Amino acid sequence: MAVARVQGRGQFTLPAAFRKAVGVKPGDVLLLEARDPGHFEVRVLSRQSLLDFPRIDAEGFNMRSARDAMERALAEEAFESP
């Protein structure tokens, strides 16, 4: 169990001991699922990089939209696996 304070922009830091205990590493993508008011579940999605996704034309490349697409694909993958 760990305690984290939510900052003004919605960010929070997972304490180092907690990250180590659950195996969260820098660059991991976390899936947050709402359960009930005040209750949610967090799952670590598989570690993948943009290099694992189809090539994207460098002209007009948008990192934010590419990252969003990658996170959607990872979330869909997480829902499909038990």
PDB file of N, CA and C in Angstrom:
ATOM      1  N   MET A   1       0.845  -1.165   0.000  1.00  0.00           N
ATOM      2  CA  MET A   1       0.000   0.000   0.000  1.00  0.00           C
ATOM      3  C   MET A   1       0.892   1.230   0.000  1.00  0.00           C
ATOM      4  N   ALA A   2       0.441   2.289  -0.670  1.00  0.00           N
ATOM      5  CA  ALA A   2       1.214   3.524  -0.743  1.00  0.00           C
ATOM      6  C   ALA A   2       0.270   4.713  -0.774  1.00  0.00           C
ATOM      7  N   VAL A   3       0.783   5.868  -0.420  1.00  0.00           N
ATOM      8  CA  VAL A   3       0.004   7.105  -0.436  1.00  0.00           C
ATOM      9  C   VAL A   3       0.685   8.076  -1.396  1.00  0.00           C
ATOM     10  N   ALA A   4      -0.103   8.705  -2.267  1.00  0.00           N
ATOM     11  CA  ALA A   4       0.412   9.698  -3.199  1.00  0.00           C
ATOM     12  C   ALA A   4      -0.560  10.872  -3.236  1.00  0.00           C
ATOM     13  N   ARG A   5      -0.034  12.073  -3.316  1.00  0.00           N
ATOM     14  CA  ARG A   5      -0.873  13.279  -3.375  1.00  0.00           C
ATOM     15  C   ARG A   5      -1.008  13.720  -4.830  1.00  0.00           C
ATOM     16  N   VAL A   6      -2.238  14.043  -5.246  1.00  0.00           N
ATOM     17  CA  VAL A   6      -2.489  14.520  -6.596  1.00  0.00           C
ATOM     18  C   VAL A   6      -2.141  16.014  -6.649  1.00  0.00           C
ATOM     19  N   GLN A   7      -1.313  16.379  -7.621  1.00  0.00           N
ATOM     20  CA  GLN A   7      -0.886  17.765  -7.795  1.00  0.00           C
ATOM     21  C   GLN A   7      -1.930  18.551  -8.586  1.00  0.00           C
ATOM     22  N   GLY A   8      -1.724  19.832  -8.714  1.00  0.00           N
ATOM     23  CA  GLY A   8      -2.674  20.725  -9.370  1.00  0.00           C
ATOM     24  C   GLY A   8      -3.024  20.333 -10.796  1.00  0.00           C
ATOM     25  N   ARG A   9      -2.082  19.781 -11.534  1.00  0.00           N
ATOM     26  CA  ARG A   9      -2.340  19.389 -12.915  1.00  0.00           C
ATOM     27  C   ARG A   9      -2.758  17.926 -13.027  1.00  0.00           C
ATOM     28  N   GLY A  10      -3.119  17.291 -11.925  1.00  0.00           N
ATOM     29  CA  GLY A  10      -3.583  15.906 -11.947  1.00  0.00           C
ATOM     30  C   GLY A  10      -2.470  14.876 -11.877  1.00  0.00           C
ATOM     31  N   GLN A  11      -1.247  15.315 -11.718  1.00  0.00           N
ATOM     32  CA  GLN A  11      -0.123  14.390 -11.660  1.00  0.00           C
ATOM     33  C   GLN A  11       0.088  13.882 -10.239  1.00  0.00           C
ATOM     34  N   PHE A  12       0.623  12.671 -10.143  1.00  0.00           N
ATOM     35  CA  PHE A  12       1.031  12.152  -8.847  1.00  0.00           C
ATOM     36  C   PHE A  12       2.245  11.264  -9.054  1.00  0.00           C
ATOM     37  N   THR A  13       3.009  11.070  -7.992  1.00  0.00           N
ATOM     38  CA  THR A  13       4.212  10.258  -8.054  1.00  0.00           C
ATOM     39  C   THR A  13       4.002   8.994  -7.242  1.00  0.00           C
ATOM     40  N   LEU A  14       4.279   7.853  -7.868  1.00  0.00           N
ATOM     41  CA  LEU A  14       4.224   6.598  -7.127  1.00  0.00           C
ATOM     42  C   LEU A  14       5.517   6.490  -6.325  1.00  0.00           C
ATOM     43  N   PRO A  15       5.426   6.257  -5.023  1.00  0.00           N
ATOM     44  CA  PRO A  15       6.642   6.124  -4.207  1.00  0.00           C
ATOM     45  C   PRO A  15       7.547   5.013  -4.740  1.00  0.00           C
ATOM     46  N   ALA A  16       8.857   5.218  -4.630  1.00  0.00           N
ATOM     47  CA  ALA A  16       9.845   4.282  -5.175  1.00  0.00           C
ATOM     48  C   ALA A  16       9.639   2.856  -4.673  1.00  0.00           C
ATOM     49  N   ALA A  17       9.386   2.678  -3.388  1.00  0.00           N
ATOM     50  CA  ALA A  17       9.211   1.324  -2.841  1.00  0.00           C
ATOM     51  C   ALA A  17       7.995   0.644  -3.476  1.00  0.00           C
ATOM     52  N   PHE A  18       6.938   1.418  -3.724  1.00  0.00           N
ATOM     53  CA  PHE A  18       5.734   0.873  -4.347  1.00  0.00           C
ATOM     54  C   PHE A  18       6.014   0.486  -5.799  1.00  0.00           C
ATOM     55  N   ARG A  19       6.703   1.382  -6.546  1.00  0.00           N
ATOM     56  CA  ARG A  19       7.053   1.073  -7.937  1.00  0.00           C
ATOM     57  C   ARG A  19       7.857  -0.212  -8.016  1.00  0.00           C
ATOM     58  N   LYS A  20       8.807  -0.353  -7.101  1.00  0.00           N
ATOM     59  CA  LYS A  20       9.640  -1.553  -7.094  1.00  0.00           C
ATOM     60  C   LYS A  20       8.800  -2.793  -6.773  1.00  0.00           C
ATOM     61  N   ALA A  21       7.914  -2.675  -5.805  1.00  0.00           N
ATOM     62  CA  ALA A  21       7.095  -3.814  -5.381  1.00  0.00           C
ATOM     63  C   ALA A  21       6.169  -4.312  -6.487  1.00  0.00           C
ATOM     64  N   VAL A  22       5.641  -3.384  -7.299  1.00  0.00           N
ATOM     65  CA  VAL A  22       4.690  -3.794  -8.336  1.00  0.00           C
ATOM     66  C   VAL A  22       5.325  -3.867  -9.722  1.00  0.00           C
ATOM     67  N   GLY A  23       6.604  -3.516  -9.822  1.00  0.00           N
ATOM     68  CA  GLY A  23       7.319  -3.660 -11.089  1.00  0.00           C
ATOM     69  C   GLY A  23       7.067  -2.571 -12.104  1.00  0.00           C
ATOM     70  N   VAL A  24       6.720  -1.370 -11.659  1.00  0.00           N
ATOM     71  CA  VAL A  24       6.521  -0.243 -12.575  1.00  0.00           C
ATOM     72  C   VAL A  24       7.866   0.407 -12.842  1.00  0.00           C
ATOM     73  N   LYS A  25       8.167   0.600 -14.135  1.00  0.00           N
ATOM     74  CA  LYS A  25       9.449   1.180 -14.523  1.00  0.00           C
ATOM     75  C   LYS A  25       9.215   2.418 -15.384  1.00  0.00           C
ATOM     76  N   PRO A  26      10.195   3.319 -15.462  1.00  0.00           N
ATOM     77  CA  PRO A  26      10.052   4.496 -16.324  1.00  0.00           C
ATOM     78  C   PRO A  26       9.694   4.087 -17.747  1.00  0.00           C
ATOM     79  N   GLY A  27       8.756   4.787 -18.327  1.00  0.00           N
ATOM     80  CA  GLY A  27       8.311   4.487 -19.691  1.00  0.00           C
ATOM     81  C   GLY A  27       7.137   3.541 -19.766  1.00  0.00           C
ATOM     82  N   ASP A  28       6.761   2.899 -18.656  1.00  0.00           N
ATOM     83  CA  ASP A  28       5.592   2.022 -18.663  1.00  0.00           C
ATOM     84  C   ASP A  28       4.336   2.840 -18.933  1.00  0.00           C
ATOM     85  N   VAL A  29       3.378   2.205 -19.569  1.00  0.00           N
ATOM     86  CA  VAL A  29       2.081   2.826 -19.809  1.00  0.00           C
ATOM     87  C   VAL A  29       1.113   2.212 -18.813  1.00  0.00           C
ATOM     88  N   LEU A  30       0.396   3.066 -18.091  1.00  0.00           N
ATOM     89  CA  LEU A  30      -0.557   2.602 -17.085  1.00  0.00           C
ATOM     90  C   LEU A  30      -1.974   2.784 -17.610  1.00  0.00           C
ATOM     91  N   LEU A  31      -2.803   1.775 -17.418  1.00  0.00           N
ATOM     92  CA  LEU A  31      -4.213   1.842 -17.781  1.00  0.00           C
ATOM     93  C   LEU A  31      -4.998   2.085 -16.500  1.00  0.00           C
ATOM     94  N   LEU A  32      -5.751   3.175 -16.454  1.00  0.00           N
ATOM     95  CA  LEU A  32      -6.568   3.501 -15.291  1.00  0.00           C
ATOM     96  C   LEU A  32      -8.025   3.222 -15.630  1.00  0.00           C
ATOM     97  N   GLU A  33      -8.671   2.408 -14.824  1.00  0.00           N
ATOM     98  CA  GLU A  33     -10.069   2.062 -15.042  1.00  0.00           C
ATOM     99  C   GLU A  33     -10.902   2.514 -13.840  1.00  0.00           C
ATOM    100  N   ALA A  34     -11.926   3.325 -14.110  1.00  0.00           N
ATOM    101  CA  ALA A  34     -12.830   3.783 -13.056  1.00  0.00           C
ATOM    102  C   ALA A  34     -13.671   2.606 -12.579  1.00  0.00           C
ATOM    103  N   ARG A  35     -13.822   2.466 -11.284  1.00  0.00           N
ATOM    104  CA  ARG A  35     -14.650   1.403 -10.707  1.00  0.00           C
ATOM    105  C   ARG A  35     -15.898   2.007 -10.068  1.00  0.00           C
ATOM    106  N   ASP A  36     -15.722   2.750  -9.031  1.00  0.00           N
ATOM    107  CA  ASP A  36     -16.792   3.432  -8.318  1.00  0.00           C
ATOM    108  C   ASP A  36     -16.284   4.825  -7.992  1.00  0.00           C
ATOM    109  N   PRO A  37     -17.164   5.744  -7.554  1.00  0.00           N
ATOM    110  CA  PRO A  37     -16.648   7.052  -7.145  1.00  0.00           C
ATOM    111  C   PRO A  37     -15.554   6.882  -6.077  1.00  0.00           C
ATOM    112  N   GLY A  38     -14.395   7.485  -6.338  1.00  0.00           N
ATOM    113  CA  GLY A  38     -13.293   7.386  -5.386  1.00  0.00           C
ATOM    114  C   GLY A  38     -12.507   6.098  -5.449  1.00  0.00           C
ATOM    115  N   HIS A  39     -12.801   5.237  -6.441  1.00  0.00           N
ATOM    116  CA  HIS A  39     -12.127   3.945  -6.538  1.00  0.00           C
ATOM    117  C   HIS A  39     -11.783   3.673  -8.000  1.00  0.00           C
ATOM    118  N   PHE A  40     -10.519   3.348  -8.260  1.00  0.00           N
ATOM    119  CA  PHE A  40     -10.127   2.970  -9.607  1.00  0.00           C
ATOM    120  C   PHE A  40      -9.045   1.910  -9.548  1.00  0.00           C
ATOM    121  N   GLU A  41      -8.833   1.246 -10.671  1.00  0.00           N
ATOM    122  CA  GLU A  41      -7.824   0.194 -10.775  1.00  0.00           C
ATOM    123  C   GLU A  41      -6.767   0.654 -11.772  1.00  0.00           C
ATOM    124  N   VAL A  42      -5.524   0.339 -11.485  1.00  0.00           N
ATOM    125  CA  VAL A  42      -4.423   0.685 -12.374  1.00  0.00           C
ATOM    126  C   VAL A  42      -3.730  -0.597 -12.789  1.00  0.00           C
ATOM    127  N   ARG A  43      -3.491  -0.743 -14.098  1.00  0.00           N
ATOM    128  CA  ARG A  43      -2.760  -1.908 -14.603  1.00  0.00           C
ATOM    129  C   ARG A  43      -1.598  -1.422 -15.451  1.00  0.00           C
ATOM    130  N   VAL A  44      -0.493  -2.133 -15.363  1.00  0.00           N
ATOM    131  CA  VAL A  44       0.660  -1.842 -16.204  1.00  0.00           C
ATOM    132  C   VAL A  44       0.463  -2.583 -17.516  1.00  0.00           C
ATOM    133  N   LEU A  45       0.463  -1.837 -18.630  1.00  0.00           N
ATOM    134  CA  LEU A  45       0.324  -2.462 -19.933  1.00  0.00           C
ATOM    135  C   LEU A  45       1.681  -2.963 -20.389  1.00  0.00           C
ATOM    136  N   SER A  46       1.683  -3.808 -21.400  1.00  0.00           N
ATOM    137  CA  SER A  46       2.943  -4.358 -21.896  1.00  0.00           C
ATOM    138  C   SER A  46       3.855  -3.228 -22.344  1.00  0.00           C
ATOM    139  N   ARG A  47       5.142  -3.430 -22.152  1.00  0.00           N
ATOM    140  CA  ARG A  47       6.106  -2.407 -22.530  1.00  0.00           C
ATOM    141  C   ARG A  47       6.371  -2.499 -24.022  1.00  0.00           C
ATOM    142  N   GLN A  48       5.982  -1.464 -24.736  1.00  0.00           N
ATOM    143  CA  GLN A  48       6.240  -1.390 -26.164  1.00  0.00           C
ATOM    144  C   GLN A  48       6.708   0.017 -26.476  1.00  0.00           C
ATOM    145  N   SER A  49       7.386   0.165 -27.569  1.00  0.00           N
ATOM    146  CA  SER A  49       7.818   1.488 -27.975  1.00  0.00           C
ATOM    147  C   SER A  49       7.178   1.820 -29.309  1.00  0.00           C
ATOM    148  N   LEU A  50       7.322   3.049 -29.731  1.00  0.00           N
ATOM    149  CA  LEU A  50       6.781   3.435 -31.028  1.00  0.00           C
ATOM    150  C   LEU A  50       7.412   2.606 -32.146  1.00  0.00           C
ATOM    151  N   LEU A  51       8.615   2.074 -31.906  1.00  0.00           N
ATOM    152  CA  LEU A  51       9.282   1.272 -32.925  1.00  0.00           C
ATOM    153  C   LEU A  51       8.545  -0.035 -33.190  1.00  0.00           C
ATOM    154  N   ASP A  52       7.704  -0.485 -32.234  1.00  0.00           N
ATOM    155  CA  ASP A  52       6.950  -1.725 -32.401  1.00  0.00           C
ATOM    156  C   ASP A  52       5.706  -1.536 -33.265  1.00  0.00           C
ATOM    157  N   PHE A  53       5.387  -0.296 -33.591  1.00  0.00           N
ATOM    158  CA  PHE A  53       4.186   0.007 -34.363  1.00  0.00           C
ATOM    159  C   PHE A  53       4.569   0.280 -35.812  1.00  0.00           C
ATOM    160  N   PRO A  54       3.595   0.196 -36.726  1.00  0.00           N
ATOM    161  CA  PRO A  54       3.906   0.404 -38.144  1.00  0.00           C
ATOM    162  C   PRO A  54       4.630   1.723 -38.386  1.00  0.00           C
ATOM    163  N   ARG A  55       5.471   1.726 -39.402  1.00  0.00           N
ATOM    164  CA  ARG A  55       6.224   2.936 -39.758  1.00  0.00           C
ATOM    165  C   ARG A  55       5.267   4.084 -40.059  1.00  0.00           C
ATOM    166  N   ILE A  56       5.666   5.255 -39.642  1.00  0.00           N
ATOM    167  CA  ILE A  56       4.869   6.452 -39.863  1.00  0.00           C
ATOM    168  C   ILE A  56       5.700   7.396 -40.716  1.00  0.00           C
ATOM    169  N   ASP A  57       5.082   8.018 -41.694  1.00  0.00           N
ATOM    170  CA  ASP A  57       5.780   8.981 -42.535  1.00  0.00           C
ATOM    171  C   ASP A  57       6.261  10.139 -41.664  1.00  0.00           C
ATOM    172  N   ALA A  58       7.544  10.434 -41.728  1.00  0.00           N
ATOM    173  CA  ALA A  58       8.124  11.477 -40.874  1.00  0.00           C
ATOM    174  C   ALA A  58       7.535  12.851 -41.164  1.00  0.00           C
ATOM    175  N   GLU A  59       7.129  13.084 -42.401  1.00  0.00           N
ATOM    176  CA  GLU A  59       6.539  14.376 -42.729  1.00  0.00           C
ATOM    177  C   GLU A  59       5.131  14.429 -42.144  1.00  0.00           C
ATOM    178  N   GLY A  60       4.862  15.428 -41.371  1.00  0.00           N
ATOM    179  CA  GLY A  60       3.560  15.556 -40.733  1.00  0.00           C
ATOM    180  C   GLY A  60       3.413  14.704 -39.487  1.00  0.00           C
ATOM    181  N   PHE A  61       4.507  14.087 -39.024  1.00  0.00           N
ATOM    182  CA  PHE A  61       4.468  13.241 -37.826  1.00  0.00           C
ATOM    183  C   PHE A  61       4.096  14.062 -36.597  1.00  0.00           C
ATOM    184  N   ASN A  62       3.197  13.556 -35.801  1.00  0.00           N
ATOM    185  CA  ASN A  62       2.768  14.225 -34.583  1.00  0.00           C
ATOM    186  C   ASN A  62       2.964  13.257 -33.423  1.00  0.00           C
ATOM    187  N   MET A  63       3.944  13.547 -32.566  1.00  0.00           N
ATOM    188  CA  MET A  63       4.281  12.637 -31.469  1.00  0.00           C
ATOM    189  C   MET A  63       3.092  12.401 -30.546  1.00  0.00           C
ATOM    190  N   ARG A  64       2.328  13.437 -30.237  1.00  0.00           N
ATOM    191  CA  ARG A  64       1.188  13.281 -29.328  1.00  0.00           C
ATOM    192  C   ARG A  64       0.157  12.313 -29.903  1.00  0.00           C
ATOM    193  N   SER A  65      -0.183  12.473 -31.181  1.00  0.00           N
ATOM    194  CA  SER A  65      -1.189  11.573 -31.751  1.00  0.00           C
ATOM    195  C   SER A  65      -0.633  10.156 -31.905  1.00  0.00           C
ATOM    196  N   ALA A  66       0.659  10.029 -32.211  1.00  0.00           N
ATOM    197  CA  ALA A  66       1.269   8.698 -32.295  1.00  0.00           C
ATOM    198  C   ALA A  66       1.256   8.022 -30.929  1.00  0.00           C
ATOM    199  N   ARG A  67       1.576   8.779 -29.887  1.00  0.00           N
ATOM    200  CA  ARG A  67       1.564   8.223 -28.530  1.00  0.00           C
ATOM    201  C   ARG A  67       0.150   7.836 -28.125  1.00  0.00           C
ATOM    202  N   ASP A  68      -0.826   8.693 -28.444  1.00  0.00           N
ATOM    203  CA  ASP A  68      -2.223   8.380 -28.125  1.00  0.00           C
ATOM    204  C   ASP A  68      -2.661   7.098 -28.832  1.00  0.00           C
ATOM    205  N   ALA A  69      -2.281   6.940 -30.099  1.00  0.00           N
ATOM    206  CA  ALA A  69      -2.634   5.734 -30.852  1.00  0.00           C
ATOM    207  C   ALA A  69      -1.987   4.508 -30.225  1.00  0.00           C
ATOM    208  N   MET A  70      -0.726   4.634 -29.802  1.00  0.00           N
ATOM    209  CA  MET A  70      -0.035   3.518 -29.169  1.00  0.00           C
ATOM    210  C   MET A  70      -0.725   3.130 -27.864  1.00  0.00           C
ATOM    211  N   GLU A  71      -1.098   4.129 -27.065  1.00  0.00           N
ATOM    212  CA  GLU A  71      -1.748   3.838 -25.787  1.00  0.00           C
ATOM    213  C   GLU A  71      -3.125   3.216 -25.999  1.00  0.00           C
ATOM    214  N   ARG A  72      -3.857   3.655 -27.028  1.00  0.00           N
ATOM    215  CA  ARG A  72      -5.156   3.024 -27.328  1.00  0.00           C
ATOM    216  C   ARG A  72      -4.967   1.568 -27.720  1.00  0.00           C
ATOM    217  N   ALA A  73      -3.950   1.302 -28.553  1.00  0.00           N
ATOM    218  CA  ALA A  73      -3.678  -0.079 -28.975  1.00  0.00           C
ATOM    219  C   ALA A  73      -3.308  -0.948 -27.777  1.00  0.00           C
ATOM    220  N   LEU A  74      -2.504  -0.416 -26.866  1.00  0.00           N
ATOM    221  CA  LEU A  74      -2.123  -1.169 -25.674  1.00  0.00           C
ATOM    222  C   LEU A  74      -3.336  -1.425 -24.783  1.00  0.00           C
ATOM    223  N   ALA A  75      -4.211  -0.443 -24.649  1.00  0.00           N
ATOM    224  CA  ALA A  75      -5.409  -0.608 -23.831  1.00  0.00           C
ATOM    225  C   ALA A  75      -6.318  -1.669 -24.437  1.00  0.00           C
ATOM    226  N   GLU A  76      -6.486  -1.638 -25.758  1.00  0.00           N
ATOM    227  CA  GLU A  76      -7.317  -2.656 -26.416  1.00  0.00           C
ATOM    228  C   GLU A  76      -6.728  -4.043 -26.188  1.00  0.00           C
ATOM    229  N   GLU A  77      -5.398  -4.143 -26.284  1.00  0.00           N
ATOM    230  CA  GLU A  77      -4.713  -5.414 -26.044  1.00  0.00           C
ATOM    231  C   GLU A  77      -4.960  -5.901 -24.622  1.00  0.00           C
ATOM    232  N   ALA A  78      -4.947  -4.980 -23.666  1.00  0.00           N
ATOM    233  CA  ALA A  78      -5.139  -5.344 -22.254  1.00  0.00           C
ATOM    234  C   ALA A  78      -6.552  -5.868 -22.019  1.00  0.00           C
ATOM    235  N   PHE A  79      -7.537  -5.297 -22.694  1.00  0.00           N
ATOM    236  CA  PHE A  79      -8.913  -5.743 -22.518  1.00  0.00           C
ATOM    237  C   PHE A  79      -9.140  -7.103 -23.154  1.00  0.00           C
ATOM    238  N   GLU A  80      -8.366  -7.414 -24.210  1.00  0.00           N
ATOM    239  CA  GLU A  80      -8.535  -8.682 -24.900  1.00  0.00           C
ATOM    240  C   GLU A  80      -7.889  -9.837 -24.138  1.00  0.00           C
ATOM    241  N   SER A  81      -6.837  -9.541 -23.350  1.00  0.00           N
ATOM    242  CA  SER A  81      -6.173 -10.622 -22.595  1.00  0.00           C
ATOM    243  C   SER A  81      -6.725 -10.702 -21.193  1.00  0.00           C
ATOM    244  N   PRO A  82      -6.753 -11.900 -20.626  1.00  0.00           N
ATOM    245  CA  PRO A  82      -7.348 -12.091 -19.297  1.00  0.00           C
ATOM    246  C   PRO A  82      -6.585 -11.411 -18.192  1.00  0.00           C
TER     247      PRO A  82
END
